[in-house]
Structures are given as C-alpha cells and as structure tokens.
Amino acid sequence: MSKASHSVGHIGSALDWSWENLQFLRMRMQGLKNKEAELGGLLGELDGYRSLYESLTGRSFQQASIFEVGYGARPLRLLALSSLGLNARGIDLDAPSLEGSLHELWRILKTNGWLRFIKSMVRTTVFDAHERRALDRTLARRGARLRVLPDRFLVGDVADVALAPASLDFIYSEDVFEHIPREALDRVCASLAQALAPQGVALISPAVFTGIGGGHLVEWYPDTLGRDIDRRSEPWEHLRQRRYTPDCFLNEMRLYEYQRLFERHFTVEAVHNLQAGHGHAFLTEEVREDLNDYSMEELLGDKWRFVLRTKREEPA
C-alpha cells in the first residue's frame, strides 16, 4: 500500500464529504440494532477461512500463521481470530483505535491527521464500546473472550515491511485492494507472494469498480441497497454521470485487471463472485444501454474473491 491508499482519499467538495459521512453514520446507527447477528456472520466467515485452508492444504488452521492486509478502522476479524487463539496479525496504513483512550486518539491525530482523528473520535464515542461488548458476547458462545493484543496490529505499508520468506500460511484481505494505487499493486503482490509458504493460501477479496457499489457511494452499499431511501445519485453513478466523489481513494480496477495482476504473482486457484446479481433490480434497459461496454457479470457483482496459491514453476 502507499500513502494514497489512506482511508481518507480525494474529496470532491465539503458538501460531498459531509453527505457521504452523514449517510455512513446513518448506516452504522442502523447496524447497531442487529450487531450480534452481524458479528455471528463475521465468525461464520472466519469458519469459511478455516474450511477452505484445511481443505486445500490438509493442515490445521489452528496452527497456521495468519496475516491480514488492511485490517481497517474496525479490525473485527483480526480481533476475533486473536481472541479465538489463532496466530493472527495484520498491517494497515492507519493506526487502529483499540483502547479508545485519549493517548491513543492523540497518537492517531499525529499519525493519520485530522480527518482520521475526527472519524476515530466519533467511532470510539458512539460505536466501538457497543461493538466490542457485542463481539465479546458473540465470542463467549464459542468459549472465548475478547482479547486485545496491540502487538498483532502492525502499522505501515505492506510493500515496505520485511515479511520473512515463506513465513505466512494464510493471507487474507477484505475490501482493501481497490484502495491501493495501481502503481503500487505489483509491489504489494510481490511482497505477499514471497512471504506465502509453499503450501499456503491467500484470499484476496476486492470490491470491483464496475459493481453498483463499486464507486463507494454509501447509498449503494450492500447494507443500504435494499432500503427505501432518498438517493441523490443514479445507479452506477460512478460509471455514468460521475457527479459525486466518495470519501476514499479508488483505483477503479476492473475484474480482468485483478485477474491479470494476481496471475503475475500467484497461481489463481479459483475466482468467486460473492455478490452475484447484486443490483439487478436497478439495471433497467436505459441503464444497461449506458453501460454496454461492461459485461453483465462485472456489473452484477461488487465483491469478488480470488483464491491464490504459490506460483507454480513453469516447466522448462
């Protein structure tokens, strides 16, 4: 990653920034009502990691060295894996808010700047305590308790961090690669590929730009797509009108570009559309005519998962 992949990217205007963050705040407030169900789904996703890793390698996930690329402002997966006793760590450009203390917020201000500080302060005050309590209750149903281990949370650029060769058994990344500048992606993949163990597995799941939510406007997020809300933008706004700017940097990568990127560094074991049909109700004849340069497959799928293995040597 690089500085440009910071979670506060280019902002078109103060109005855009305010609107997007208001929509995001509303979405998060709505999410508080079903937090334990959401976290139960997250643990189910981690179970999926375990099943995939063990089926592909024949090895125990409990013994694996696990690494997350881009744990984000809400590092719930990494917190859950660590709390369940797994050897998991991760890296992100932004320092996380783990304790919610004034000292930690001051460190975030110095490290990540004012916009990240403001977001972290609001999140810590309004959401984090509720979310962490819900995660603790969800973990308790599996005989675990929430553990916060700060040394598991590296801060930096994964392309520049010295990862020991063949030291990682399982690498995963969710909704991150779309925020990495194109010119940095080969360096990131090269770093991860050399760190992946010979029998290891990498699961990289980016949000592809051509999906209905690929422009990262909150009103087209999966959590808001099915709601009857007032929207100021049109379906696939980012491919058609491009009037509004999201509150983040996007590299605008298409599905085939990710495929080619990963093929340069890994063996691509499988590719899955995790949201097949997503946005179908909004793909009218008029919209489809505007988007005839794109396939139905790439329009109706925001998030894709690439299952990657160590690149096989080509026969001489």
C-alpha atoms as a PDB file:
ATOM      1  CA  MET A   1       0.000   0.000   0.000  1.00  0.00           C
ATOM      2  CA  SER A   2       1.054   3.605  -0.158  1.00  0.00           C
ATOM      3  CA  LYS A   3       0.049   6.871   1.392  1.00  0.00           C
ATOM      4  CA  ALA A   4      -2.519   7.412  -1.352  1.00  0.00           C
ATOM      5  CA  SER A   5      -4.422   4.357  -0.198  1.00  0.00           C
ATOM      6  CA  HIS A   6      -5.141   6.073   3.104  1.00  0.00           C
ATOM      7  CA  SER A   7      -8.792   5.586   4.003  1.00  0.00           C
ATOM      8  CA  VAL A   8      -9.382   9.314   3.642  1.00  0.00           C
ATOM      9  CA  GLY A   9      -8.772   9.861  -0.042  1.00  0.00           C
ATOM     10  CA  HIS A  10      -9.583  12.595  -2.536  1.00  0.00           C
ATOM     11  CA  ILE A  11     -12.693  14.528  -1.536  1.00  0.00           C
ATOM     12  CA  GLY A  12     -14.561  16.378  -4.262  1.00  0.00           C
ATOM     13  CA  SER A  13     -16.060  19.057  -2.009  1.00  0.00           C
ATOM     14  CA  ALA A  14     -17.004  19.761   1.575  1.00  0.00           C
ATOM     15  CA  LEU A  15     -20.622  19.042   0.617  1.00  0.00           C
ATOM     16  CA  ASP A  16     -19.712  15.631  -0.831  1.00  0.00           C
ATOM     17  CA  TRP A  17     -17.677  14.796   2.264  1.00  0.00           C
ATOM     18  CA  SER A  18     -20.474  15.855   4.627  1.00  0.00           C
ATOM     19  CA  TRP A  19     -23.162  13.986   2.683  1.00  0.00           C
ATOM     20  CA  GLU A  20     -21.175  10.758   2.446  1.00  0.00           C
ATOM     21  CA  ASN A  21     -20.257  10.766   6.115  1.00  0.00           C
ATOM     22  CA  LEU A  22     -23.838  11.540   7.150  1.00  0.00           C
ATOM     23  CA  GLN A  23     -25.045   8.578   5.076  1.00  0.00           C
ATOM     24  CA  PHE A  24     -22.330   6.396   6.576  1.00  0.00           C
ATOM     25  CA  LEU A  25     -23.287   7.475  10.102  1.00  0.00           C
ATOM     26  CA  ARG A  26     -26.939   6.601   9.415  1.00  0.00           C
ATOM     27  CA  MET A  27     -25.926   3.186   8.090  1.00  0.00           C
ATOM     28  CA  ARG A  28     -23.792   2.491  11.160  1.00  0.00           C
ATOM     29  CA  MET A  29     -26.580   3.594  13.519  1.00  0.00           C
ATOM     30  CA  GLN A  30     -28.979   1.247  11.733  1.00  0.00           C
ATOM     31  CA  GLY A  31     -26.435  -1.540  12.101  1.00  0.00           C
ATOM     32  CA  LEU A  32     -26.388  -1.227  15.889  1.00  0.00           C
ATOM     33  CA  LYS A  33     -29.816  -2.878  16.012  1.00  0.00           C
ATOM     34  CA  ASN A  34     -28.513  -6.214  14.711  1.00  0.00           C
ATOM     35  CA  LYS A  35     -24.899  -6.109  15.833  1.00  0.00           C
ATOM     36  CA  GLU A  36     -24.684  -9.607  17.318  1.00  0.00           C
ATOM     37  CA  ALA A  37     -26.239 -11.128  14.198  1.00  0.00           C
ATOM     38  CA  GLU A  38     -23.692  -9.242  12.084  1.00  0.00           C
ATOM     39  CA  LEU A  39     -20.833 -10.467  14.264  1.00  0.00           C
ATOM     40  CA  GLY A  40     -22.172 -14.006  14.155  1.00  0.00           C
ATOM     41  CA  GLY A  41     -21.961 -13.725  10.378  1.00  0.00           C
ATOM     42  CA  LEU A  42     -18.384 -12.498  10.671  1.00  0.00           C
ATOM     43  CA  LEU A  43     -17.408 -15.538  12.749  1.00  0.00           C
ATOM     44  CA  GLY A  44     -19.089 -17.684  10.118  1.00  0.00           C
ATOM     45  CA  GLU A  45     -16.876 -16.010   7.530  1.00  0.00           C
ATOM     46  CA  LEU A  46     -13.813 -16.933   9.607  1.00  0.00           C
ATOM     47  CA  ASP A  47     -15.102 -20.515   9.740  1.00  0.00           C
ATOM     48  CA  GLY A  48     -15.107 -20.359   5.952  1.00  0.00           C
ATOM     49  CA  TYR A  49     -11.441 -19.352   6.005  1.00  0.00           C
ATOM     50  CA  ARG A  50     -10.707 -22.369   8.170  1.00  0.00           C
ATOM     51  CA  SER A  51     -12.623 -24.790   5.948  1.00  0.00           C
ATOM     52  CA  LEU A  52     -11.019 -23.518   2.761  1.00  0.00           C
ATOM     53  CA  TYR A  53      -7.489 -23.570   4.174  1.00  0.00           C
ATOM     54  CA  GLU A  54      -7.814 -27.051   5.634  1.00  0.00           C
ATOM     55  CA  SER A  55      -9.472 -28.495   2.519  1.00  0.00           C
ATOM     56  CA  LEU A  56      -6.768 -27.092   0.221  1.00  0.00           C
ATOM     57  CA  THR A  57      -3.742 -27.866   2.394  1.00  0.00           C
ATOM     58  CA  GLY A  58      -4.757 -30.751   4.670  1.00  0.00           C
ATOM     59  CA  ARG A  59      -3.272 -28.754   7.532  1.00  0.00           C
ATOM     60  CA  SER A  60      -4.737 -27.365  10.745  1.00  0.00           C
ATOM     61  CA  PHE A  61      -5.864 -23.742  10.594  1.00  0.00           C
ATOM     62  CA  GLN A  62      -5.279 -23.552  14.344  1.00  0.00           C
ATOM     63  CA  GLN A  63      -1.543 -23.980  13.710  1.00  0.00           C
ATOM     64  CA  ALA A  64      -1.344 -21.601  10.740  1.00  0.00           C
ATOM     65  CA  SER A  65       0.489 -18.285  10.621  1.00  0.00           C
ATOM     66  CA  ILE A  66      -2.259 -15.864   9.538  1.00  0.00           C
ATOM     67  CA  PHE A  67      -1.831 -12.352   8.135  1.00  0.00           C
ATOM     68  CA  GLU A  68      -4.430  -9.691   7.289  1.00  0.00           C
ATOM     69  CA  VAL A  69      -3.677  -6.983   4.738  1.00  0.00           C
ATOM     70  CA  GLY A  70      -5.597  -3.849   5.706  1.00  0.00           C
ATOM     71  CA  TYR A  71      -7.387  -4.582   8.984  1.00  0.00           C
ATOM     72  CA  GLY A  72      -9.048  -1.155   8.831  1.00  0.00           C
ATOM     73  CA  ALA A  73     -10.564   1.163  11.381  1.00  0.00           C
ATOM     74  CA  ARG A  74     -12.747  -1.656  12.761  1.00  0.00           C
ATOM     75  CA  PRO A  75     -10.334  -4.621  12.971  1.00  0.00           C
ATOM     76  CA  LEU A  76     -13.039  -7.110  13.937  1.00  0.00           C
ATOM     77  CA  ARG A  77     -11.689 -10.101  12.001  1.00  0.00           C
ATOM     78  CA  LEU A  78      -8.229  -9.758  13.490  1.00  0.00           C
ATOM     79  CA  LEU A  79      -9.623  -9.210  16.989  1.00  0.00           C
ATOM     80  CA  ALA A  80     -11.827 -12.287  16.639  1.00  0.00           C
ATOM     81  CA  LEU A  81      -9.070 -14.539  15.276  1.00  0.00           C
ATOM     82  CA  SER A  82      -6.662 -13.493  18.032  1.00  0.00           C
ATOM     83  CA  SER A  83      -9.335 -13.971  20.682  1.00  0.00           C
ATOM     84  CA  LEU A  84     -10.039 -17.472  19.364  1.00  0.00           C
ATOM     85  CA  GLY A  85      -6.408 -18.354  19.978  1.00  0.00           C
ATOM     86  CA  LEU A  86      -5.127 -18.233  16.420  1.00  0.00           C
ATOM     87  CA  ASN A  87      -1.713 -16.912  15.430  1.00  0.00           C
ATOM     88  CA  ALA A  88      -3.028 -13.908  13.507  1.00  0.00           C
ATOM     89  CA  ARG A  89      -1.571 -10.480  12.890  1.00  0.00           C
ATOM     90  CA  GLY A  90      -2.079  -7.778  10.281  1.00  0.00           C
ATOM     91  CA  ILE A  91      -0.982  -4.473   8.839  1.00  0.00           C
ATOM     92  CA  ASP A  92      -2.687  -1.214   7.908  1.00  0.00           C
ATOM     93  CA  LEU A  93      -1.525   2.265   6.956  1.00  0.00           C
ATOM     94  CA  ASP A  94      -3.663   3.788   9.704  1.00  0.00           C
ATOM     95  CA  ALA A  95      -3.059   3.263  13.406  1.00  0.00           C
ATOM     96  CA  PRO A  96      -6.092   1.457  14.873  1.00  0.00           C
ATOM     97  CA  SER A  97      -8.211   2.590  17.789  1.00  0.00           C
ATOM     98  CA  LEU A  98      -8.006  -0.366  20.159  1.00  0.00           C
ATOM     99  CA  GLU A  99      -8.428   1.196  23.600  1.00  0.00           C
ATOM    100  CA  GLY A 100     -10.325   4.420  22.909  1.00  0.00           C
ATOM    101  CA  SER A 101      -8.060   6.315  25.301  1.00  0.00           C
ATOM    102  CA  LEU A 102      -7.093   9.977  24.921  1.00  0.00           C
ATOM    103  CA  HIS A 103      -3.474   8.890  24.470  1.00  0.00           C
ATOM    104  CA  GLU A 104      -4.465   6.610  21.600  1.00  0.00           C
ATOM    105  CA  LEU A 105      -6.589   9.289  19.922  1.00  0.00           C
ATOM    106  CA  TRP A 106      -3.677  11.730  20.209  1.00  0.00           C
ATOM    107  CA  ARG A 107      -1.417   9.163  18.522  1.00  0.00           C
ATOM    108  CA  ILE A 108      -3.972   8.743  15.713  1.00  0.00           C
ATOM    109  CA  LEU A 109      -4.064  12.526  15.236  1.00  0.00           C
ATOM    110  CA  LYS A 110      -0.271  12.686  14.938  1.00  0.00           C
ATOM    111  CA  THR A 111      -0.015   9.612  12.710  1.00  0.00           C
ATOM    112  CA  ASN A 112      -3.086   9.879  10.469  1.00  0.00           C
ATOM    113  CA  GLY A 113      -4.151  13.539  10.518  1.00  0.00           C
ATOM    114  CA  TRP A 114      -7.292  15.464  11.396  1.00  0.00           C
ATOM    115  CA  LEU A 115      -9.857  13.672   9.234  1.00  0.00           C
ATOM    116  CA  ARG A 116      -8.934  10.234  10.571  1.00  0.00           C
ATOM    117  CA  PHE A 117      -8.818  11.685  14.100  1.00  0.00           C
ATOM    118  CA  ILE A 118     -12.350  13.089  13.778  1.00  0.00           C
ATOM    119  CA  LYS A 119     -13.669   9.800  12.396  1.00  0.00           C
ATOM    120  CA  SER A 120     -11.893   7.800  15.104  1.00  0.00           C
ATOM    121  CA  MET A 121     -13.224  10.043  17.863  1.00  0.00           C
ATOM    122  CA  VAL A 122     -16.835   9.722  16.631  1.00  0.00           C
ATOM    123  CA  ARG A 123     -16.488   5.970  16.158  1.00  0.00           C
ATOM    124  CA  THR A 124     -14.907   5.489  19.588  1.00  0.00           C
ATOM    125  CA  THR A 125     -17.561   7.592  21.302  1.00  0.00           C
ATOM    126  CA  VAL A 126     -20.643   6.254  19.521  1.00  0.00           C
ATOM    127  CA  PHE A 127     -19.901   2.759  18.249  1.00  0.00           C
ATOM    128  CA  ASP A 128     -16.774   0.984  19.479  1.00  0.00           C
ATOM    129  CA  ALA A 129     -17.758   0.190  23.064  1.00  0.00           C
ATOM    130  CA  HIS A 130     -21.114  -1.235  21.921  1.00  0.00           C
ATOM    131  CA  GLU A 131     -19.460  -3.217  19.132  1.00  0.00           C
ATOM    132  CA  ARG A 132     -16.714  -4.643  21.350  1.00  0.00           C
ATOM    133  CA  ARG A 133     -19.233  -5.739  24.002  1.00  0.00           C
ATOM    134  CA  ALA A 134     -21.290  -7.442  21.293  1.00  0.00           C
ATOM    135  CA  LEU A 135     -18.152  -9.156  19.952  1.00  0.00           C
ATOM    136  CA  ASP A 136     -17.271 -10.357  23.447  1.00  0.00           C
ATOM    137  CA  ARG A 137     -20.752 -11.869  23.872  1.00  0.00           C
ATOM    138  CA  THR A 138     -20.546 -13.492  20.433  1.00  0.00           C
ATOM    139  CA  LEU A 139     -17.129 -14.982  21.214  1.00  0.00           C
ATOM    140  CA  ALA A 140     -18.377 -16.212  24.605  1.00  0.00           C
ATOM    141  CA  ARG A 141     -20.819 -18.507  22.810  1.00  0.00           C
ATOM    142  CA  ARG A 142     -17.730 -20.239  21.416  1.00  0.00           C
ATOM    143  CA  GLY A 143     -15.981 -20.418  24.763  1.00  0.00           C
ATOM    144  CA  ALA A 144     -13.681 -17.447  24.115  1.00  0.00           C
ATOM    145  CA  ARG A 145     -13.413 -13.888  25.391  1.00  0.00           C
ATOM    146  CA  LEU A 146     -12.347 -10.752  23.566  1.00  0.00           C
ATOM    147  CA  ARG A 147      -8.607 -10.147  23.841  1.00  0.00           C
ATOM    148  CA  VAL A 148      -6.941  -7.007  22.519  1.00  0.00           C
ATOM    149  CA  LEU A 149      -3.295  -7.709  21.671  1.00  0.00           C
ATOM    150  CA  PRO A 150      -1.734  -4.470  20.349  1.00  0.00           C
ATOM    151  CA  ASP A 151       1.429  -6.186  19.107  1.00  0.00           C
ATOM    152  CA  ARG A 152      -0.668  -8.040  16.497  1.00  0.00           C
ATOM    153  CA  PHE A 153      -1.542  -4.739  14.767  1.00  0.00           C
ATOM    154  CA  LEU A 154       1.330  -3.524  12.598  1.00  0.00           C
ATOM    155  CA  VAL A 155       1.152  -0.002  11.150  1.00  0.00           C
ATOM    156  CA  GLY A 156       2.856   0.613   7.818  1.00  0.00           C
ATOM    157  CA  ASP A 157       2.965  -0.196   4.123  1.00  0.00           C
ATOM    158  CA  VAL A 158       2.853  -3.926   3.381  1.00  0.00           C
ATOM    159  CA  ALA A 159       5.028  -3.375   0.305  1.00  0.00           C
ATOM    160  CA  ASP A 160       7.799  -1.954   2.500  1.00  0.00           C
ATOM    161  CA  VAL A 161       7.557  -4.208   5.560  1.00  0.00           C
ATOM    162  CA  ALA A 162      10.119  -7.016   5.655  1.00  0.00           C
ATOM    163  CA  LEU A 163       7.987 -10.163   5.726  1.00  0.00           C
ATOM    164  CA  ALA A 164      10.131 -13.262   6.146  1.00  0.00           C
ATOM    165  CA  PRO A 165      10.152 -15.508   3.057  1.00  0.00           C
ATOM    166  CA  ALA A 166       7.653 -18.394   3.154  1.00  0.00           C
ATOM    167  CA  SER A 167       6.577 -17.372   6.675  1.00  0.00           C
ATOM    168  CA  LEU A 168       2.809 -16.986   6.175  1.00  0.00           C
ATOM    169  CA  ASP A 169       0.416 -19.900   5.794  1.00  0.00           C
ATOM    170  CA  PHE A 170      -2.769 -17.910   5.231  1.00  0.00           C
ATOM    171  CA  ILE A 171      -3.108 -14.346   3.937  1.00  0.00           C
ATOM    172  CA  TYR A 172      -6.457 -12.605   3.631  1.00  0.00           C
ATOM    173  CA  SER A 173      -7.655  -9.148   2.643  1.00  0.00           C
ATOM    174  CA  GLU A 174     -11.236  -7.893   2.516  1.00  0.00           C
ATOM    175  CA  ASP A 175     -12.313  -4.706   0.692  1.00  0.00           C
ATOM    176  CA  VAL A 176      -8.788  -3.281   0.603  1.00  0.00           C
ATOM    177  CA  PHE A 177      -7.134  -3.802  -2.780  1.00  0.00           C
ATOM    178  CA  GLU A 178      -9.478  -1.346  -4.505  1.00  0.00           C
ATOM    179  CA  HIS A 179      -7.904   1.405  -2.371  1.00  0.00           C
ATOM    180  CA  ILE A 180      -4.301   0.648  -3.351  1.00  0.00           C
ATOM    181  CA  PRO A 181      -2.890   2.771  -6.200  1.00  0.00           C
ATOM    182  CA  ARG A 182      -2.332   0.819  -9.404  1.00  0.00           C
ATOM    183  CA  GLU A 183       1.370   1.634  -9.435  1.00  0.00           C
ATOM    184  CA  ALA A 184       1.801   0.020  -6.001  1.00  0.00           C
ATOM    185  CA  LEU A 185      -0.149  -3.190  -6.601  1.00  0.00           C
ATOM    186  CA  ASP A 186       2.661  -5.216  -8.149  1.00  0.00           C
ATOM    187  CA  ARG A 187       4.974  -4.356  -5.238  1.00  0.00           C
ATOM    188  CA  VAL A 188       2.286  -5.361  -2.742  1.00  0.00           C
ATOM    189  CA  CYS A 189       1.629  -8.666  -4.501  1.00  0.00           C
ATOM    190  CA  ALA A 190       5.345  -9.405  -4.858  1.00  0.00           C
ATOM    191  CA  SER A 191       5.836  -8.846  -1.118  1.00  0.00           C
ATOM    192  CA  LEU A 192       2.946 -11.148  -0.243  1.00  0.00           C
ATOM    193  CA  ALA A 193       3.915 -13.807  -2.791  1.00  0.00           C
ATOM    194  CA  GLN A 194       7.431 -14.170  -1.406  1.00  0.00           C
ATOM    195  CA  ALA A 195       6.051 -14.367   2.152  1.00  0.00           C
ATOM    196  CA  LEU A 196       3.463 -17.055   1.333  1.00  0.00           C
ATOM    197  CA  ALA A 197       4.534 -20.542   2.390  1.00  0.00           C
ATOM    198  CA  PRO A 198       4.848 -23.172  -0.391  1.00  0.00           C
ATOM    199  CA  GLN A 199       1.572 -24.833   0.675  1.00  0.00           C
ATOM    200  CA  GLY A 200      -0.040 -21.557   1.762  1.00  0.00           C
ATOM    201  CA  VAL A 201      -3.298 -19.920   0.668  1.00  0.00           C
ATOM    202  CA  ALA A 202      -4.115 -16.274   0.017  1.00  0.00           C
ATOM    203  CA  LEU A 203      -7.698 -14.996  -0.118  1.00  0.00           C
ATOM    204  CA  ILE A 204      -7.935 -11.535  -1.678  1.00  0.00           C
ATOM    205  CA  SER A 205     -11.445 -10.066  -1.920  1.00  0.00           C
ATOM    206  CA  PRO A 206     -11.631  -6.613  -3.533  1.00  0.00           C
ATOM    207  CA  ALA A 207     -14.708  -4.582  -4.370  1.00  0.00           C
ATOM    208  CA  VAL A 208     -14.508  -4.320  -8.161  1.00  0.00           C
ATOM    209  CA  PHE A 209     -15.178  -0.849  -9.561  1.00  0.00           C
ATOM    210  CA  THR A 210     -17.842  -1.910 -12.068  1.00  0.00           C
ATOM    211  CA  GLY A 211     -20.354  -3.160  -9.492  1.00  0.00           C
ATOM    212  CA  ILE A 212     -23.257  -0.954  -8.447  1.00  0.00           C
ATOM    213  CA  GLY A 213     -21.459  -0.186  -5.185  1.00  0.00           C
ATOM    214  CA  GLY A 214     -18.016  -0.015  -6.785  1.00  0.00           C
ATOM    215  CA  GLY A 215     -17.988   3.773  -6.627  1.00  0.00           C
ATOM    216  CA  HIS A 216     -18.180   3.580  -2.815  1.00  0.00           C
ATOM    217  CA  LEU A 217     -21.132   5.926  -2.527  1.00  0.00           C
ATOM    218  CA  VAL A 218     -22.797   4.870   0.713  1.00  0.00           C
ATOM    219  CA  GLU A 219     -26.317   4.901  -0.707  1.00  0.00           C
ATOM    220  CA  TRP A 220     -25.345   1.966  -2.971  1.00  0.00           C
ATOM    221  CA  TYR A 221     -23.570  -0.107  -0.316  1.00  0.00           C
ATOM    222  CA  PRO A 222     -24.899  -3.648   0.261  1.00  0.00           C
ATOM    223  CA  ASP A 223     -26.276  -2.533   3.642  1.00  0.00           C
ATOM    224  CA  THR A 224     -28.347   0.252   2.073  1.00  0.00           C
ATOM    225  CA  LEU A 225     -29.183  -1.121  -1.379  1.00  0.00           C
ATOM    226  CA  GLY A 226     -32.424  -2.786  -0.295  1.00  0.00           C
ATOM    227  CA  ARG A 227     -33.706   0.146   1.739  1.00  0.00           C
ATOM    228  CA  ASP A 228     -36.284   2.654   0.577  1.00  0.00           C
ATOM    229  CA  ILE A 229     -34.176   5.789   0.984  1.00  0.00           C
ATOM    230  CA  ASP A 230     -33.755   9.068  -0.864  1.00  0.00           C
ATOM    231  CA  ARG A 231     -30.724   8.862  -3.143  1.00  0.00           C
ATOM    232  CA  ARG A 232     -29.108  11.825  -4.834  1.00  0.00           C
ATOM    233  CA  SER A 233     -27.164   9.658  -7.302  1.00  0.00           C
ATOM    234  CA  GLU A 234     -28.239   7.258 -10.039  1.00  0.00           C
ATOM    235  CA  PRO A 235     -27.478   3.517 -10.234  1.00  0.00           C
ATOM    236  CA  TRP A 236     -23.867   3.014 -11.367  1.00  0.00           C
ATOM    237  CA  GLU A 237     -23.343   6.755 -10.945  1.00  0.00           C
ATOM    238  CA  HIS A 238     -19.571   6.250 -10.955  1.00  0.00           C
ATOM    239  CA  LEU A 239     -19.646   4.681 -14.445  1.00  0.00           C
ATOM    240  CA  ARG A 240     -22.215   7.070 -15.942  1.00  0.00           C
ATOM    241  CA  GLN A 241     -22.562  10.582 -14.523  1.00  0.00           C
ATOM    242  CA  ARG A 242     -19.584  10.688 -12.120  1.00  0.00           C
ATOM    243  CA  ARG A 243     -21.069  13.739 -10.389  1.00  0.00           C
ATOM    244  CA  TYR A 244     -20.182  12.700  -6.844  1.00  0.00           C
ATOM    245  CA  THR A 245     -16.916  11.733  -5.206  1.00  0.00           C
ATOM    246  CA  PRO A 246     -16.612   9.104  -2.454  1.00  0.00           C
ATOM    247  CA  ASP A 247     -14.755   9.771   0.767  1.00  0.00           C
ATOM    248  CA  CYS A 248     -11.871   7.476  -0.187  1.00  0.00           C
ATOM    249  CA  PHE A 249      -9.300   6.786  -2.874  1.00  0.00           C
ATOM    250  CA  LEU A 250     -10.261   4.207  -5.540  1.00  0.00           C
ATOM    251  CA  ASN A 251      -8.008   2.701  -8.201  1.00  0.00           C
ATOM    252  CA  GLU A 252     -11.014   1.904 -10.465  1.00  0.00           C
ATOM    253  CA  MET A 253      -9.754  -1.614 -11.262  1.00  0.00           C
ATOM    254  CA  ARG A 254     -11.965  -3.957 -13.275  1.00  0.00           C
ATOM    255  CA  LEU A 255     -12.285  -7.702 -12.777  1.00  0.00           C
ATOM    256  CA  TYR A 256      -9.981  -8.713 -15.636  1.00  0.00           C
ATOM    257  CA  GLU A 257      -7.298  -6.332 -14.341  1.00  0.00           C
ATOM    258  CA  TYR A 258      -7.287  -8.022 -10.944  1.00  0.00           C
ATOM    259  CA  GLN A 259      -7.130 -11.397 -12.682  1.00  0.00           C
ATOM    260  CA  ARG A 260      -4.043 -10.371 -14.658  1.00  0.00           C
ATOM    261  CA  LEU A 261      -2.415  -8.820 -11.587  1.00  0.00           C
ATOM    262  CA  PHE A 262      -2.772 -11.944  -9.483  1.00  0.00           C
ATOM    263  CA  GLU A 263      -1.707 -14.242 -12.319  1.00  0.00           C
ATOM    264  CA  ARG A 264       1.625 -12.404 -12.445  1.00  0.00           C
ATOM    265  CA  HIS A 265       2.420 -13.298  -8.837  1.00  0.00           C
ATOM    266  CA  PHE A 266       0.353 -16.343  -7.843  1.00  0.00           C
ATOM    267  CA  THR A 267      -1.446 -19.362  -9.171  1.00  0.00           C
ATOM    268  CA  VAL A 268      -5.130 -18.408  -9.294  1.00  0.00           C
ATOM    269  CA  GLU A 269      -6.945 -21.410  -7.845  1.00  0.00           C
ATOM    270  CA  ALA A 270     -10.483 -20.018  -8.108  1.00  0.00           C
ATOM    271  CA  VAL A 271     -12.468 -16.796  -8.557  1.00  0.00           C
ATOM    272  CA  HIS A 272     -15.856 -16.331  -6.857  1.00  0.00           C
ATOM    273  CA  ASN A 273     -18.497 -13.637  -7.260  1.00  0.00           C
ATOM    274  CA  LEU A 274     -19.524 -13.086  -3.631  1.00  0.00           C
ATOM    275  CA  GLN A 275     -22.497 -10.878  -4.533  1.00  0.00           C
ATOM    276  CA  ALA A 276     -23.812 -12.374  -7.755  1.00  0.00           C
ATOM    277  CA  GLY A 277     -26.879 -10.488  -9.001  1.00  0.00           C
ATOM    278  CA  HIS A 278     -26.209  -7.552  -6.688  1.00  0.00           C
ATOM    279  CA  GLY A 279     -28.033  -4.516  -8.102  1.00  0.00           C
ATOM    280  CA  HIS A 280     -30.100  -6.444 -10.654  1.00  0.00           C
ATOM    281  CA  ALA A 281     -33.301  -4.581  -9.744  1.00  0.00           C
ATOM    282  CA  PHE A 282     -31.687  -1.274 -10.755  1.00  0.00           C
ATOM    283  CA  LEU A 283     -30.303  -2.463 -14.101  1.00  0.00           C
ATOM    284  CA  THR A 284     -33.076  -1.103 -16.314  1.00  0.00           C
ATOM    285  CA  GLU A 285     -32.917  -1.132 -20.120  1.00  0.00           C
ATOM    286  CA  GLU A 286     -31.867   2.527 -20.074  1.00  0.00           C
ATOM    287  CA  VAL A 287     -29.067   1.897 -17.591  1.00  0.00           C
ATOM    288  CA  ARG A 288     -27.920  -1.213 -19.476  1.00  0.00           C
ATOM    289  CA  GLU A 289     -27.718   0.787 -22.691  1.00  0.00           C
ATOM    290  CA  ASP A 290     -25.493   3.343 -20.963  1.00  0.00           C
ATOM    291  CA  LEU A 291     -23.237   0.536 -19.736  1.00  0.00           C
ATOM    292  CA  ASN A 292     -22.989  -1.628 -22.851  1.00  0.00           C
ATOM    293  CA  ASP A 293     -19.177  -1.578 -22.627  1.00  0.00           C
ATOM    294  CA  TYR A 294     -19.407  -3.743 -19.497  1.00  0.00           C
ATOM    295  CA  SER A 295     -20.473  -7.365 -19.171  1.00  0.00           C
ATOM    296  CA  MET A 296     -23.446  -8.363 -17.028  1.00  0.00           C
ATOM    297  CA  GLU A 297     -21.078 -10.389 -14.872  1.00  0.00           C
ATOM    298  CA  GLU A 298     -18.957  -7.419 -13.863  1.00  0.00           C
ATOM    299  CA  LEU A 299     -21.946  -5.101 -13.389  1.00  0.00           C
ATOM    300  CA  LEU A 300     -23.834  -7.530 -11.121  1.00  0.00           C
ATOM    301  CA  GLY A 301     -21.154  -8.291  -8.592  1.00  0.00           C
ATOM    302  CA  ASP A 302     -19.462  -5.785  -6.312  1.00  0.00           C
ATOM    303  CA  LYS A 303     -17.166  -8.076  -4.371  1.00  0.00           C
ATOM    304  CA  TRP A 304     -15.056 -10.873  -5.803  1.00  0.00           C
ATOM    305  CA  ARG A 305     -12.824 -13.406  -4.076  1.00  0.00           C
ATOM    306  CA  PHE A 306      -9.568 -14.669  -5.559  1.00  0.00           C
ATOM    307  CA  VAL A 307      -8.204 -17.893  -4.079  1.00  0.00           C
ATOM    308  CA  LEU A 308      -4.453 -17.802  -4.637  1.00  0.00           C
ATOM    309  CA  ARG A 309      -1.618 -20.277  -4.153  1.00  0.00           C
ATOM    310  CA  THR A 310       2.141 -20.075  -4.523  1.00  0.00           C
ATOM    311  CA  LYS A 311       3.012 -19.618  -8.186  1.00  0.00           C
ATOM    312  CA  ARG A 312       3.955 -22.898  -9.799  1.00  0.00           C
ATOM    313  CA  GLU A 313       7.226 -23.107 -11.666  1.00  0.00           C
ATOM    314  CA  GLU A 314       6.731 -23.291 -15.421  1.00  0.00           C
ATOM    315  CA  PRO A 315       8.206 -26.486 -16.932  1.00  0.00           C
ATOM    316  CA  ALA A 316      11.425 -25.905 -18.847  1.00  0.00           C
END
